[in-house]
Amino acid sequence: DASHAEQIGPGVTTAFYYADKIFTPLVTTFIYSIGVVLFPKLNRKFAGTNYREYMEYVWTITSNTLVIVFPVCAILTVLGEPMITVLFESGEFTPTDTAATTAVFMMYALGMAGFSVIDLLNKSFFTMNRLFAPFAISLLVIALNAVLDALVGLNGAMVALSTAVVMSVGAVITVMVMFRKKECRGIVKLDSAIKSFVIALVVGAVAWILKDLILLDSDGK
């Protein structure tokens, strides 16, 4: 994304830079922390149960993680603008820069759920010593992202959206590969994920209503 943004122009490059300054720490502290906590549990579960029970456990923690991640995605998408305004808007960082950075950040936030699923299931693959699958999926995601970046052209927000779409597609592919064996039949159930998505919509709507109550005046930082 960064290299493609450089081809668009310096303003877009700046938007990606500042959006990444917020998004990367959030991903590092939130999603990676979840993975760090769950990885030892995955190892213990894999060593102490049969294959199907382990896979059921993997899907349970994946769907439970989405219960948290989906609403967080909604909140970040809705409140991205006031966050960026409070953190960065002053001096040479103008409202125009805020709008461009917000557009990129919002698109990235939409892909957080997909990224969390990929990260968690990759750790599950590593626990089973299945190393090729996550490597191959990662290459596919990178290639698909490059293709979509080329297709969307010179539009910063669309470049960021292509990344979010690729993360979501990568998550679906990862789930399909993880649970493709016949022993896993019936494990993947989308009811909890759908409930999490509905909750996220409600949370996002509430955040949207309350957004105007947040202090946006730069003098109030």
Protein backbone atom coordinates (compact mmCIF):
# COMPACT_ATOMS: atom_id res chain seq x y z
CA ASP A 1 0.00 0.00 0.00
CA ALA A 2 2.75 2.45 0.92
CA SER A 3 4.59 1.99 -2.38
CA HIS A 4 1.33 2.38 -4.31
CA ALA A 5 0.47 5.50 -2.29
CA GLU A 6 3.80 7.06 -3.29
CA GLN A 7 2.75 6.75 -6.92
CA ILE A 8 -0.49 8.63 -6.20
CA GLY A 9 1.10 11.65 -4.53
CA PRO A 10 2.67 13.06 -1.35
CA GLY A 11 -0.67 13.92 0.23
CA VAL A 12 -1.86 10.33 -0.01
CA THR A 13 1.48 9.07 1.30
CA THR A 14 1.03 11.30 4.34
CA ALA A 15 -2.49 9.97 4.88
CA PHE A 16 -1.24 6.38 4.85
CA TYR A 17 1.62 7.26 7.18
CA TYR A 18 -0.59 8.82 9.86
CA ALA A 19 -3.33 6.22 9.51
CA ASP A 20 -0.70 3.53 10.03
CA LYS A 21 0.63 5.34 13.11
CA ILE A 22 -2.75 4.72 14.75
CA PHE A 23 -3.72 1.40 13.21
CA THR A 24 -0.48 -0.54 13.72
CA PRO A 25 -0.25 0.05 17.50
CA LEU A 26 -3.91 -0.94 17.83
CA VAL A 27 -3.32 -4.16 15.92
CA THR A 28 -0.12 -4.88 17.83
CA THR A 29 -1.58 -4.35 21.27
CA PHE A 30 -5.04 -5.78 20.63
CA ILE A 31 -5.01 -8.59 18.06
CA TYR A 32 -1.46 -9.80 18.66
CA SER A 33 -2.09 -9.79 22.42
CA ILE A 34 -5.06 -12.09 21.91
CA GLY A 35 -2.87 -14.44 19.88
CA VAL A 36 -0.08 -14.41 22.46
CA VAL A 37 -2.53 -15.37 25.21
CA LEU A 38 -4.22 -18.11 23.18
CA PHE A 39 -1.15 -19.71 21.58
CA PRO A 40 -0.07 -21.68 24.71
CA LYS A 41 -3.68 -22.81 25.19
CA LEU A 42 -3.78 -24.06 21.61
CA ASN A 43 -0.63 -26.10 22.22
CA ARG A 44 -2.01 -27.65 25.40
CA LYS A 45 -5.35 -28.40 23.76
CA PHE A 46 -3.73 -30.01 20.72
CA ALA A 47 -1.53 -32.19 22.93
CA GLY A 48 -4.37 -33.29 25.19
CA THR A 49 -7.32 -33.98 22.85
CA ASN A 50 -8.17 -35.69 19.60
CA TYR A 51 -8.22 -33.89 16.25
CA ARG A 52 -11.92 -33.05 16.12
CA GLU A 53 -12.02 -31.72 19.68
CA TYR A 54 -9.05 -29.51 18.90
CA MET A 55 -10.70 -28.16 15.77
CA GLU A 56 -13.91 -27.48 17.68
CA TYR A 57 -11.85 -25.56 20.21
CA VAL A 58 -10.15 -23.56 17.44
CA TRP A 59 -13.48 -22.52 15.95
CA THR A 60 -14.89 -21.66 19.38
CA ILE A 61 -12.07 -19.28 20.23
CA THR A 62 -12.17 -17.84 16.70
CA SER A 63 -15.89 -17.07 16.88
CA ASN A 64 -15.53 -15.75 20.44
CA THR A 65 -12.73 -13.46 19.31
CA LEU A 66 -14.98 -12.03 16.61
CA VAL A 67 -17.49 -11.12 19.32
CA ILE A 68 -14.88 -8.63 20.53
CA VAL A 69 -13.24 -7.66 17.25
CA PHE A 70 -16.37 -6.85 15.22
CA PRO A 71 -17.61 -4.14 17.63
CA VAL A 72 -14.09 -2.73 17.89
CA CYS A 73 -13.98 -2.47 14.09
CA ALA A 74 -17.29 -0.60 14.15
CA ILE A 75 -16.12 1.82 16.82
CA LEU A 76 -12.85 2.58 15.06
CA THR A 77 -14.61 3.06 11.73
CA VAL A 78 -17.09 5.53 13.17
CA LEU A 79 -14.76 7.38 15.55
CA GLY A 80 -11.72 7.48 13.27
CA GLU A 81 -12.24 11.12 12.33
CA PRO A 82 -12.44 12.56 15.86
CA MET A 83 -9.47 10.42 16.91
CA ILE A 84 -7.33 11.73 14.06
CA THR A 85 -8.53 15.29 14.62
CA VAL A 86 -7.57 15.24 18.28
CA LEU A 87 -4.25 13.48 17.73
CA PHE A 88 -2.90 15.20 14.63
CA GLU A 89 -4.87 18.19 13.36
CA SER A 90 -2.88 21.34 14.01
CA GLY A 91 -0.36 23.49 12.19
CA GLU A 92 0.43 22.04 8.78
CA PHE A 93 -1.89 19.09 9.35
CA THR A 94 -5.09 20.60 7.95
CA PRO A 95 -8.72 19.42 7.91
CA THR A 96 -8.06 18.20 4.37
CA ASP A 97 -5.29 15.96 5.73
CA THR A 98 -7.64 14.77 8.45
CA ALA A 99 -10.25 13.78 5.88
CA ALA A 100 -7.71 11.89 3.75
CA THR A 101 -6.19 10.11 6.76
CA THR A 102 -9.63 9.26 8.12
CA ALA A 103 -10.65 7.65 4.83
CA VAL A 104 -7.58 5.40 4.89
CA PHE A 105 -7.93 4.57 8.59
CA MET A 106 -11.61 3.68 8.27
CA MET A 107 -10.87 1.27 5.43
CA TYR A 108 -8.09 -0.36 7.42
CA ALA A 109 -10.41 -0.72 10.42
CA LEU A 110 -12.87 -2.66 8.28
CA GLY A 111 -10.20 -5.28 7.66
CA MET A 112 -9.30 -5.81 11.30
CA ALA A 113 -11.69 -8.74 11.76
CA GLY A 114 -10.25 -10.56 8.78
CA PHE A 115 -6.73 -9.92 9.99
CA SER A 116 -7.55 -11.27 13.45
CA VAL A 117 -9.00 -14.48 12.00
CA ILE A 118 -5.92 -15.03 9.81
CA ASP A 119 -3.54 -14.38 12.72
CA LEU A 120 -5.38 -16.70 15.09
CA LEU A 121 -5.80 -19.55 12.61
CA ASN A 122 -2.17 -19.25 11.54
CA LYS A 123 -1.19 -19.96 15.13
CA SER A 124 -3.50 -22.96 15.04
CA PHE A 125 -1.74 -24.18 11.89
CA PHE A 126 1.65 -23.77 13.56
CA THR A 127 0.44 -25.75 16.57
CA MET A 128 -0.36 -28.68 14.25
CA ASN A 129 2.96 -28.20 12.41
CA ARG A 130 1.07 -27.37 9.21
CA LEU A 131 3.44 -24.72 7.93
CA PHE A 132 2.76 -24.69 4.22
CA ALA A 133 -0.90 -23.62 4.38
CA PRO A 134 -0.38 -20.25 6.15
CA PHE A 135 2.65 -19.55 3.96
CA ALA A 136 0.70 -20.23 0.76
CA ILE A 137 -2.30 -18.20 1.92
CA SER A 138 -0.03 -15.28 2.83
CA LEU A 139 1.48 -15.30 -0.66
CA LEU A 140 -2.01 -15.41 -2.17
CA VAL A 141 -3.14 -12.48 -0.01
CA ILE A 142 -0.10 -10.41 -1.02
CA ALA A 143 -0.61 -11.17 -4.70
CA LEU A 144 -4.33 -10.42 -4.54
CA ASN A 145 -3.65 -7.16 -2.73
CA ALA A 146 -1.20 -6.10 -5.43
CA VAL A 147 -3.73 -6.89 -8.14
CA LEU A 148 -6.53 -4.96 -6.43
CA ASP A 149 -4.24 -2.00 -5.77
CA ALA A 150 -3.50 -1.86 -9.49
CA LEU A 151 -7.20 -2.10 -10.36
CA VAL A 152 -8.40 0.69 -8.06
CA GLY A 153 -5.89 3.11 -9.54
CA LEU A 154 -4.99 6.47 -8.01
CA ASN A 155 -7.40 6.56 -5.10
CA GLY A 156 -5.95 6.36 -1.61
CA ALA A 157 -9.11 5.28 0.18
CA MET A 158 -9.78 2.57 -2.40
CA VAL A 159 -6.23 1.26 -2.02
CA ALA A 160 -6.83 0.93 1.72
CA LEU A 161 -10.23 -0.67 1.07
CA SER A 162 -8.61 -3.22 -1.22
CA THR A 163 -6.40 -4.23 1.70
CA ALA A 164 -9.44 -4.64 3.94
CA VAL A 165 -11.21 -6.71 1.29
CA VAL A 166 -8.14 -8.90 0.80
CA MET A 167 -7.88 -9.47 4.56
CA SER A 168 -11.51 -10.57 4.65
CA VAL A 169 -11.10 -12.84 1.65
CA GLY A 170 -7.92 -14.25 3.17
CA ALA A 171 -9.81 -14.98 6.39
CA VAL A 172 -12.49 -16.91 4.50
CA ILE A 173 -9.86 -18.89 2.60
CA THR A 174 -7.98 -19.64 5.82
CA VAL A 175 -11.16 -20.94 7.48
CA MET A 176 -11.92 -23.11 4.46
CA VAL A 177 -8.42 -24.61 4.43
CA MET A 178 -8.31 -25.09 8.20
CA PHE A 179 -11.63 -26.94 8.36
CA ARG A 180 -11.61 -28.67 4.97
CA LYS A 181 -11.14 -32.25 6.24
CA LYS A 182 -14.16 -34.49 6.67
CA GLU A 183 -13.44 -34.80 10.40
CA CYS A 184 -14.30 -31.09 10.67
CA ARG A 185 -17.70 -31.39 9.07
CA GLY A 186 -20.30 -29.44 11.03
CA ILE A 187 -17.79 -27.56 13.19
CA VAL A 188 -17.94 -24.20 11.44
CA LYS A 189 -21.19 -22.51 12.41
CA LEU A 190 -21.81 -18.93 11.44
CA ASP A 191 -24.52 -18.11 14.00
CA SER A 192 -22.12 -16.59 16.53
CA ALA A 193 -20.28 -14.65 13.81
CA ILE A 194 -23.59 -13.29 12.51
CA LYS A 195 -24.61 -12.29 16.04
CA SER A 196 -21.26 -10.56 16.49
CA PHE A 197 -21.78 -8.67 13.22
CA VAL A 198 -25.25 -7.55 14.31
CA ILE A 199 -23.83 -6.39 17.64
CA ALA A 200 -21.17 -4.48 15.75
CA LEU A 201 -23.82 -2.72 13.67
CA VAL A 202 -25.66 -1.69 16.85
CA VAL A 203 -22.45 -0.51 18.49
CA GLY A 204 -21.51 1.38 15.35
CA ALA A 205 -24.91 3.06 15.22
CA VAL A 206 -24.64 4.14 18.85
CA ALA A 207 -21.11 5.43 18.26
CA TRP A 208 -22.33 7.36 15.21
CA ILE A 209 -25.08 9.00 17.27
CA LEU A 210 -22.68 9.93 20.04
CA LYS A 211 -19.89 11.07 17.73
CA ASP A 212 -21.10 14.67 17.61
CA LEU A 213 -20.74 14.86 21.39
CA ILE A 214 -16.98 14.33 21.17
CA LEU A 215 -14.88 17.48 21.37
CA LEU A 216 -13.40 18.06 17.90
CA ASP A 217 -12.15 21.62 18.34
CA SER A 218 -8.36 21.56 18.14
CA ASP A 219 -8.25 24.25 20.84
CA GLY A 220 -9.68 21.66 23.23
CA LYS A 221 -6.90 19.09 22.83
